[in-house]
Amino acid sequence: MKEFYELPTTYIQCSCYSELLQLVYDNEDEQKFLYVSMYKDWHNKPSWLRRLQHIWYIIKYGFPWADQITLNQNEIEKLKNYLNKL
């Protein structure tokens, strides 16, 4: 099994450059999962202060994202169908 950081990952940045979506697809096991994480206040080149704040957030809460959901294969299909209709 691959480590989380080795899984196929895509980043989608908000057009205002303040949020970032991270999509990680885990298809290694029988069950497939899509991890959707949202990072707040992400800029093209964050300042050192912002980087330190981000590190402190990880230390304080134990994870770097502001929010995360995990989708199983059925929910991935629902999401794909919805996005294809757009």
PDB file of N, CA and C in Angstrom:
ATOM      1  N   MET A   1       0.844  -1.186   0.000  1.00  0.00           N
ATOM      2  CA  MET A   1       0.000   0.000   0.000  1.00  0.00           C
ATOM      3  C   MET A   1       0.886   1.244   0.000  1.00  0.00           C
ATOM      4  N   LYS A   2       0.521   2.190  -0.829  1.00  0.00           N
ATOM      5  CA  LYS A   2       1.277   3.429  -0.934  1.00  0.00           C
ATOM      6  C   LYS A   2       0.995   4.335   0.264  1.00  0.00           C
ATOM      7  N   GLU A   3       1.962   5.189   0.551  1.00  0.00           N
ATOM      8  CA  GLU A   3       1.756   6.221   1.563  1.00  0.00           C
ATOM      9  C   GLU A   3       0.815   7.276   0.974  1.00  0.00           C
ATOM     10  N   PHE A   4       0.170   8.028   1.855  1.00  0.00           N
ATOM     11  CA  PHE A   4      -0.805   9.024   1.411  1.00  0.00           C
ATOM     12  C   PHE A   4      -0.195  10.010   0.415  1.00  0.00           C
ATOM     13  N   TYR A   5       1.032  10.454   0.686  1.00  0.00           N
ATOM     14  CA  TYR A   5       1.674  11.436  -0.184  1.00  0.00           C
ATOM     15  C   TYR A   5       2.085  10.857  -1.538  1.00  0.00           C
ATOM     16  N   GLU A   6       2.045   9.533  -1.692  1.00  0.00           N
ATOM     17  CA  GLU A   6       2.406   8.893  -2.960  1.00  0.00           C
ATOM     18  C   GLU A   6       1.203   8.666  -3.870  1.00  0.00           C
ATOM     19  N   LEU A   7      -0.008   8.884  -3.366  1.00  0.00           N
ATOM     20  CA  LEU A   7      -1.219   8.657  -4.150  1.00  0.00           C
ATOM     21  C   LEU A   7      -1.415   9.760  -5.179  1.00  0.00           C
ATOM     22  N   PRO A   8      -2.111   9.463  -6.288  1.00  0.00           N
ATOM     23  CA  PRO A   8      -2.376  10.486  -7.302  1.00  0.00           C
ATOM     24  C   PRO A   8      -3.126  11.674  -6.689  1.00  0.00           C
ATOM     25  N   THR A   9      -2.582  12.872  -6.900  1.00  0.00           N
ATOM     26  CA  THR A   9      -3.114  14.077  -6.270  1.00  0.00           C
ATOM     27  C   THR A   9      -3.286  15.181  -7.305  1.00  0.00           C
ATOM     28  N   THR A  10      -4.378  15.924  -7.174  1.00  0.00           N
ATOM     29  CA  THR A  10      -4.637  17.093  -8.014  1.00  0.00           C
ATOM     30  C   THR A  10      -4.997  18.260  -7.111  1.00  0.00           C
ATOM     31  N   TYR A  11      -4.527  19.447  -7.475  1.00  0.00           N
ATOM     32  CA  TYR A  11      -4.841  20.665  -6.727  1.00  0.00           C
ATOM     33  C   TYR A  11      -5.653  21.592  -7.613  1.00  0.00           C
ATOM     34  N   ILE A  12      -6.694  22.169  -7.038  1.00  0.00           N
ATOM     35  CA  ILE A  12      -7.528  23.134  -7.752  1.00  0.00           C
ATOM     36  C   ILE A  12      -7.581  24.399  -6.904  1.00  0.00           C
ATOM     37  N   GLN A  13      -7.083  25.490  -7.473  1.00  0.00           N
ATOM     38  CA  GLN A  13      -6.999  26.737  -6.726  1.00  0.00           C
ATOM     39  C   GLN A  13      -8.185  27.632  -7.039  1.00  0.00           C
ATOM     40  N   CYS A  14      -8.701  28.279  -6.002  1.00  0.00           N
ATOM     41  CA  CYS A  14      -9.783  29.244  -6.158  1.00  0.00           C
ATOM     42  C   CYS A  14      -9.285  30.408  -7.013  1.00  0.00           C
ATOM     43  N   SER A  15     -10.168  30.984  -7.814  1.00  0.00           N
ATOM     44  CA  SER A  15      -9.740  32.086  -8.676  1.00  0.00           C
ATOM     45  C   SER A  15      -9.358  33.337  -7.882  1.00  0.00           C
ATOM     46  N   CYS A  16      -9.740  33.404  -6.600  1.00  0.00           N
ATOM     47  CA  CYS A  16      -9.332  34.527  -5.757  1.00  0.00           C
ATOM     48  C   CYS A  16      -8.021  34.227  -5.033  1.00  0.00           C
ATOM     49  N   TYR A  17      -7.473  33.034  -5.223  1.00  0.00           N
ATOM     50  CA  TYR A  17      -6.207  32.588  -4.639  1.00  0.00           C
ATOM     51  C   TYR A  17      -6.223  32.495  -3.112  1.00  0.00           C
ATOM     52  N   SER A  18      -7.388  32.389  -2.513  1.00  0.00           N
ATOM     53  CA  SER A  18      -7.430  32.322  -1.051  1.00  0.00           C
ATOM     54  C   SER A  18      -7.709  30.913  -0.534  1.00  0.00           C
ATOM     55  N   GLU A  19      -8.236  30.022  -1.366  1.00  0.00           N
ATOM     56  CA  GLU A  19      -8.469  28.638  -0.963  1.00  0.00           C
ATOM     57  C   GLU A  19      -7.897  27.699  -2.022  1.00  0.00           C
ATOM     58  N   LEU A  20      -7.669  26.477  -1.571  1.00  0.00           N
ATOM     59  CA  LEU A  20      -7.095  25.465  -2.456  1.00  0.00           C
ATOM     60  C   LEU A  20      -7.743  24.132  -2.136  1.00  0.00           C
ATOM     61  N   LEU A  21      -8.199  23.418  -3.175  1.00  0.00           N
ATOM     62  CA  LEU A  21      -8.727  22.065  -3.000  1.00  0.00           C
ATOM     63  C   LEU A  21      -7.631  21.066  -3.339  1.00  0.00           C
ATOM     64  N   GLN A  22      -7.535  20.041  -2.521  1.00  0.00           N
ATOM     65  CA  GLN A  22      -6.622  18.941  -2.795  1.00  0.00           C
ATOM     66  C   GLN A  22      -7.467  17.696  -2.979  1.00  0.00           C
ATOM     67  N   LEU A  23      -7.328  17.031  -4.115  1.00  0.00           N
ATOM     68  CA  LEU A  23      -8.050  15.800  -4.408  1.00  0.00           C
ATOM     69  C   LEU A  23      -7.038  14.661  -4.466  1.00  0.00           C
ATOM     70  N   VAL A  24      -7.213  13.681  -3.591  1.00  0.00           N
ATOM     71  CA  VAL A  24      -6.308  12.533  -3.537  1.00  0.00           C
ATOM     72  C   VAL A  24      -7.140  11.285  -3.783  1.00  0.00           C
ATOM     73  N   TYR A  25      -6.764  10.517  -4.809  1.00  0.00           N
ATOM     74  CA  TYR A  25      -7.512   9.327  -5.174  1.00  0.00           C
ATOM     75  C   TYR A  25      -6.757   8.085  -4.729  1.00  0.00           C
ATOM     76  N   ASP A  26      -7.391   7.279  -3.884  1.00  0.00           N
ATOM     77  CA  ASP A  26      -6.792   6.051  -3.369  1.00  0.00           C
ATOM     78  C   ASP A  26      -7.491   4.864  -4.027  1.00  0.00           C
ATOM     79  N   ASN A  27      -6.837   4.262  -4.999  1.00  0.00           N
ATOM     80  CA  ASN A  27      -7.408   3.115  -5.695  1.00  0.00           C
ATOM     81  C   ASN A  27      -6.579   1.860  -5.462  1.00  0.00           C
ATOM     82  N   GLU A  28      -5.821   1.828  -4.377  1.00  0.00           N
ATOM     83  CA  GLU A  28      -4.930   0.715  -4.082  1.00  0.00           C
ATOM     84  C   GLU A  28      -5.673  -0.490  -3.507  1.00  0.00           C
ATOM     85  N   ASP A  29      -6.703  -0.272  -2.727  1.00  0.00           N
ATOM     86  CA  ASP A  29      -7.435  -1.358  -2.081  1.00  0.00           C
ATOM     87  C   ASP A  29      -8.656  -1.741  -2.911  1.00  0.00           C
ATOM     88  N   GLU A  30      -9.403  -2.733  -2.406  1.00  0.00           N
ATOM     89  CA  GLU A  30     -10.651  -3.110  -3.077  1.00  0.00           C
ATOM     90  C   GLU A  30     -11.622  -1.933  -3.094  1.00  0.00           C
ATOM     91  N   GLN A  31     -11.701  -1.230  -1.981  1.00  0.00           N
ATOM     92  CA  GLN A  31     -12.547  -0.045  -1.916  1.00  0.00           C
ATOM     93  C   GLN A  31     -11.727   1.153  -2.372  1.00  0.00           C
ATOM     94  N   LYS A  32     -12.322   1.956  -3.229  1.00  0.00           N
ATOM     95  CA  LYS A  32     -11.647   3.142  -3.726  1.00  0.00           C
ATOM     96  C   LYS A  32     -12.198   4.357  -2.993  1.00  0.00           C
ATOM     97  N   PHE A  33     -11.313   5.298  -2.658  1.00  0.00           N
ATOM     98  CA  PHE A  33     -11.715   6.491  -1.929  1.00  0.00           C
ATOM     99  C   PHE A  33     -11.147   7.727  -2.594  1.00  0.00           C
ATOM    100  N   LEU A  34     -11.891   8.818  -2.512  1.00  0.00           N
ATOM    101  CA  LEU A  34     -11.425  10.127  -2.948  1.00  0.00           C
ATOM    102  C   LEU A  34     -11.420  11.019  -1.719  1.00  0.00           C
ATOM    103  N   TYR A  35     -10.261  11.549  -1.381  1.00  0.00           N
ATOM    104  CA  TYR A  35     -10.133  12.466  -0.252  1.00  0.00           C
ATOM    105  C   TYR A  35     -10.157  13.888  -0.801  1.00  0.00           C
ATOM    106  N   VAL A  36     -11.067  14.694  -0.309  1.00  0.00           N
ATOM    107  CA  VAL A  36     -11.196  16.085  -0.736  1.00  0.00           C
ATOM    108  C   VAL A  36     -10.863  16.958   0.458  1.00  0.00           C
ATOM    109  N   SER A  37      -9.777  17.719   0.352  1.00  0.00           N
ATOM    110  CA  SER A  37      -9.337  18.586   1.444  1.00  0.00           C
ATOM    111  C   SER A  37      -9.352  20.025   0.970  1.00  0.00           C
ATOM    112  N   MET A  38      -9.698  20.936   1.878  1.00  0.00           N
ATOM    113  CA  MET A  38      -9.728  22.363   1.556  1.00  0.00           C
ATOM    114  C   MET A  38      -8.767  23.106   2.454  1.00  0.00           C
ATOM    115  N   TYR A  39      -7.879  23.853   1.834  1.00  0.00           N
ATOM    116  CA  TYR A  39      -6.912  24.670   2.555  1.00  0.00           C
ATOM    117  C   TYR A  39      -7.353  26.124   2.452  1.00  0.00           C
ATOM    118  N   LYS A  40      -7.301  26.842   3.552  1.00  0.00           N
ATOM    119  CA  LYS A  40      -7.689  28.254   3.552  1.00  0.00           C
ATOM    120  C   LYS A  40      -6.464  29.148   3.423  1.00  0.00           C
ATOM    121  N   ASP A  41      -6.708  30.345   2.924  1.00  0.00           N
ATOM    122  CA  ASP A  41      -5.684  31.391   2.836  1.00  0.00           C
ATOM    123  C   ASP A  41      -4.423  30.914   2.151  1.00  0.00           C
ATOM    124  N   TRP A  42      -4.577  30.221   1.052  1.00  0.00           N
ATOM    125  CA  TRP A  42      -3.437  29.736   0.293  1.00  0.00           C
ATOM    126  C   TRP A  42      -3.141  30.728  -0.817  1.00  0.00           C
ATOM    127  N   HIS A  43      -1.920  31.161  -0.925  1.00  0.00           N
ATOM    128  CA  HIS A  43      -1.517  32.130  -1.943  1.00  0.00           C
ATOM    129  C   HIS A  43      -0.398  31.526  -2.782  1.00  0.00           C
ATOM    130  N   ASN A  44      -0.122  32.155  -3.898  1.00  0.00           N
ATOM    131  CA  ASN A  44       0.936  31.640  -4.763  1.00  0.00           C
ATOM    132  C   ASN A  44       2.264  31.526  -4.019  1.00  0.00           C
ATOM    133  N   LYS A  45       2.618  32.532  -3.258  1.00  0.00           N
ATOM    134  CA  LYS A  45       3.840  32.485  -2.456  1.00  0.00           C
ATOM    135  C   LYS A  45       3.525  33.080  -1.091  1.00  0.00           C
ATOM    136  N   PRO A  46       3.167  32.228  -0.129  1.00  0.00           N
ATOM    137  CA  PRO A  46       2.815  32.748   1.187  1.00  0.00           C
ATOM    138  C   PRO A  46       4.024  33.352   1.898  1.00  0.00           C
ATOM    139  N   SER A  47       3.759  34.350   2.722  1.00  0.00           N
ATOM    140  CA  SER A  47       4.824  34.994   3.494  1.00  0.00           C
ATOM    141  C   SER A  47       5.323  34.027   4.567  1.00  0.00           C
ATOM    142  N   TRP A  48       6.457  34.375   5.164  1.00  0.00           N
ATOM    143  CA  TRP A  48       6.989  33.544   6.249  1.00  0.00           C
ATOM    144  C   TRP A  48       6.036  33.498   7.423  1.00  0.00           C
ATOM    145  N   LEU A  49       5.367  34.630   7.699  1.00  0.00           N
ATOM    146  CA  LEU A  49       4.390  34.652   8.790  1.00  0.00           C
ATOM    147  C   LEU A  49       3.255  33.684   8.501  1.00  0.00           C
ATOM    148  N   ARG A  50       2.758  33.686   7.267  1.00  0.00           N
ATOM    149  CA  ARG A  50       1.667  32.777   6.898  1.00  0.00           C
ATOM    150  C   ARG A  50       2.129  31.321   6.972  1.00  0.00           C
ATOM    151  N   ARG A  51       3.353  31.064   6.577  1.00  0.00           N
ATOM    152  CA  ARG A  51       3.885  29.704   6.659  1.00  0.00           C
ATOM    153  C   ARG A  51       3.975  29.250   8.112  1.00  0.00           C
ATOM    154  N   LEU A  52       4.442  30.134   9.004  1.00  0.00           N
ATOM    155  CA  LEU A  52       4.522  29.794  10.422  1.00  0.00           C
ATOM    156  C   LEU A  52       3.130  29.571  11.017  1.00  0.00           C
ATOM    157  N   GLN A  53       2.167  30.384  10.590  1.00  0.00           N
ATOM    158  CA  GLN A  53       0.787  30.185  11.051  1.00  0.00           C
ATOM    159  C   GLN A  53       0.266  28.826  10.597  1.00  0.00           C
ATOM    160  N   HIS A  54       0.604  28.443   9.378  1.00  0.00           N
ATOM    161  CA  HIS A  54       0.181  27.149   8.842  1.00  0.00           C
ATOM    162  C   HIS A  54       0.820  26.003   9.640  1.00  0.00           C
ATOM    163  N   ILE A  55       2.097  26.145   9.949  1.00  0.00           N
ATOM    164  CA  ILE A  55       2.789  25.134  10.768  1.00  0.00           C
ATOM    165  C   ILE A  55       2.154  25.049  12.149  1.00  0.00           C
ATOM    166  N   TRP A  56       1.841  26.209  12.750  1.00  0.00           N
ATOM    167  CA  TRP A  56       1.201  26.214  14.070  1.00  0.00           C
ATOM    168  C   TRP A  56      -0.167  25.533  14.010  1.00  0.00           C
ATOM    169  N   TYR A  57      -0.914  25.749  12.941  1.00  0.00           N
ATOM    170  CA  TYR A  57      -2.217  25.098  12.775  1.00  0.00           C
ATOM    171  C   TYR A  57      -2.047  23.577  12.769  1.00  0.00           C
ATOM    172  N   ILE A  58      -1.034  23.079  12.082  1.00  0.00           N
ATOM    173  CA  ILE A  58      -0.774  21.639  12.036  1.00  0.00           C
ATOM    174  C   ILE A  58      -0.409  21.123  13.423  1.00  0.00           C
ATOM    175  N   ILE A  59       0.447  21.861  14.131  1.00  0.00           N
ATOM    176  CA  ILE A  59       0.832  21.449  15.481  1.00  0.00           C
ATOM    177  C   ILE A  59      -0.370  21.447  16.416  1.00  0.00           C
ATOM    178  N   LYS A  60      -1.198  22.477  16.329  1.00  0.00           N
ATOM    179  CA  LYS A  60      -2.341  22.637  17.232  1.00  0.00           C
ATOM    180  C   LYS A  60      -3.448  21.618  16.966  1.00  0.00           C
ATOM    181  N   TYR A  61      -3.791  21.412  15.669  1.00  0.00           N
ATOM    182  CA  TYR A  61      -4.926  20.557  15.322  1.00  0.00           C
ATOM    183  C   TYR A  61      -4.523  19.180  14.779  1.00  0.00           C
ATOM    184  N   GLY A  62      -3.273  19.013  14.392  1.00  0.00           N
ATOM    185  CA  GLY A  62      -2.800  17.716  13.933  1.00  0.00           C
ATOM    186  C   GLY A  62      -2.997  17.440  12.457  1.00  0.00           C
ATOM    187  N   PHE A  63      -3.525  18.382  11.710  1.00  0.00           N
ATOM    188  CA  PHE A  63      -3.706  18.204  10.276  1.00  0.00           C
ATOM    189  C   PHE A  63      -3.639  19.566   9.597  1.00  0.00           C
ATOM    190  N   PRO A  64      -3.227  19.613   8.312  1.00  0.00           N
ATOM    191  CA  PRO A  64      -3.011  20.897   7.653  1.00  0.00           C
ATOM    192  C   PRO A  64      -4.233  21.514   6.983  1.00  0.00           C
ATOM    193  N   TRP A  65      -5.307  20.785   6.829  1.00  0.00           N
ATOM    194  CA  TRP A  65      -6.428  21.295   6.063  1.00  0.00           C
ATOM    195  C   TRP A  65      -7.478  21.924   6.963  1.00  0.00           C
ATOM    196  N   ALA A  66      -8.280  22.790   6.370  1.00  0.00           N
ATOM    197  CA  ALA A  66      -9.365  23.430   7.103  1.00  0.00           C
ATOM    198  C   ALA A  66     -10.563  22.498   7.214  1.00  0.00           C
ATOM    199  N   ASP A  67     -10.737  21.663   6.193  1.00  0.00           N
ATOM    200  CA  ASP A  67     -11.857  20.735   6.185  1.00  0.00           C
ATOM    201  C   ASP A  67     -11.533  19.599   5.223  1.00  0.00           C
ATOM    202  N   GLN A  68     -12.109  18.430   5.479  1.00  0.00           N
ATOM    203  CA  GLN A  68     -11.865  17.295   4.600  1.00  0.00           C
ATOM    204  C   GLN A  68     -13.067  16.367   4.618  1.00  0.00           C
ATOM    205  N   ILE A  69     -13.380  15.790   3.445  1.00  0.00           N
ATOM    206  CA  ILE A  69     -14.376  14.736   3.353  1.00  0.00           C
ATOM    207  C   ILE A  69     -13.748  13.569   2.600  1.00  0.00           C
ATOM    208  N   THR A  70     -14.247  12.381   2.881  1.00  0.00           N
ATOM    209  CA  THR A  70     -13.790  11.177   2.207  1.00  0.00           C
ATOM    210  C   THR A  70     -14.977  10.559   1.494  1.00  0.00           C
ATOM    211  N   LEU A  71     -14.826  10.322   0.193  1.00  0.00           N
ATOM    212  CA  LEU A  71     -15.901   9.760  -0.611  1.00  0.00           C
ATOM    213  C   LEU A  71     -15.568   8.330  -0.995  1.00  0.00           C
ATOM    214  N   ASN A  72     -16.535   7.410  -0.813  1.00  0.00           N
ATOM    215  CA  ASN A  72     -16.338   6.041  -1.280  1.00  0.00           C
ATOM    216  C   ASN A  72     -16.705   5.970  -2.762  1.00  0.00           C
ATOM    217  N   GLN A  73     -16.615   4.788  -3.360  1.00  0.00           N
ATOM    218  CA  GLN A  73     -16.822   4.654  -4.801  1.00  0.00           C
ATOM    219  C   GLN A  73     -18.213   5.112  -5.239  1.00  0.00           C
ATOM    220  N   ASN A  74     -19.256   4.802  -4.462  1.00  0.00           N
ATOM    221  CA  ASN A  74     -20.614   5.235  -4.826  1.00  0.00           C
ATOM    222  C   ASN A  74     -20.733   6.747  -4.820  1.00  0.00           C
ATOM    223  N   GLU A  75     -20.147   7.390  -3.817  1.00  0.00           N
ATOM    224  CA  GLU A  75     -20.207   8.847  -3.738  1.00  0.00           C
ATOM    225  C   GLU A  75     -19.346   9.503  -4.816  1.00  0.00           C
ATOM    226  N   ILE A  76     -18.246   8.861  -5.186  1.00  0.00           N
ATOM    227  CA  ILE A  76     -17.422   9.365  -6.285  1.00  0.00           C
ATOM    228  C   ILE A  76     -18.235   9.370  -7.577  1.00  0.00           C
ATOM    229  N   GLU A  77     -18.984   8.298  -7.817  1.00  0.00           N
ATOM    230  CA  GLU A  77     -19.823   8.217  -9.023  1.00  0.00           C
ATOM    231  C   GLU A  77     -20.895   9.305  -9.023  1.00  0.00           C
ATOM    232  N   LYS A  78     -21.508   9.551  -7.871  1.00  0.00           N
ATOM    233  CA  LYS A  78     -22.508  10.630  -7.767  1.00  0.00           C
ATOM    234  C   LYS A  78     -21.878  11.974  -8.107  1.00  0.00           C
ATOM    235  N   LEU A  79     -20.687  12.213  -7.554  1.00  0.00           N
ATOM    236  CA  LEU A  79     -19.996  13.478  -7.822  1.00  0.00           C
ATOM    237  C   LEU A  79     -19.640  13.600  -9.294  1.00  0.00           C
ATOM    238  N   LYS A  80     -19.131  12.526  -9.903  1.00  0.00           N
ATOM    239  CA  LYS A  80     -18.793  12.550 -11.324  1.00  0.00           C
ATOM    240  C   LYS A  80     -20.023  12.819 -12.178  1.00  0.00           C
ATOM    241  N   ASN A  81     -21.139  12.169 -11.860  1.00  0.00           N
ATOM    242  CA  ASN A  81     -22.373  12.393 -12.621  1.00  0.00           C
ATOM    243  C   ASN A  81     -22.839  13.832 -12.504  1.00  0.00           C
ATOM    244  N   TYR A  82     -22.762  14.372 -11.316  1.00  0.00           N
ATOM    245  CA  TYR A  82     -23.182  15.762 -11.097  1.00  0.00           C
ATOM    246  C   TYR A  82     -22.296  16.720 -11.895  1.00  0.00           C
ATOM    247  N   LEU A  83     -20.988  16.529 -11.813  1.00  0.00           N
ATOM    248  CA  LEU A  83     -20.071  17.432 -12.522  1.00  0.00           C
ATOM    249  C   LEU A  83     -20.199  17.292 -14.031  1.00  0.00           C
ATOM    250  N   ASN A  84     -20.483  16.092 -14.523  1.00  0.00           N
ATOM    251  CA  ASN A  84     -20.683  15.900 -15.956  1.00  0.00           C
ATOM    252  C   ASN A  84     -21.933  16.599 -16.473  1.00  0.00           C
ATOM    253  N   LYS A  85     -22.921  16.808 -15.604  1.00  0.00           N
ATOM    254  CA  LYS A  85     -24.144  17.502 -16.006  1.00  0.00           C
ATOM    255  C   LYS A  85     -23.939  19.011 -16.153  1.00  0.00           C
ATOM    256  N   LEU A  86     -22.890  19.542 -15.549  1.00  0.00           N
ATOM    257  CA  LEU A  86     -22.661  20.997 -15.582  1.00  0.00           C
ATOM    258  C   LEU A  86     -22.266  21.480 -16.954  1.00  0.00           C
TER     259      LEU A  86
END
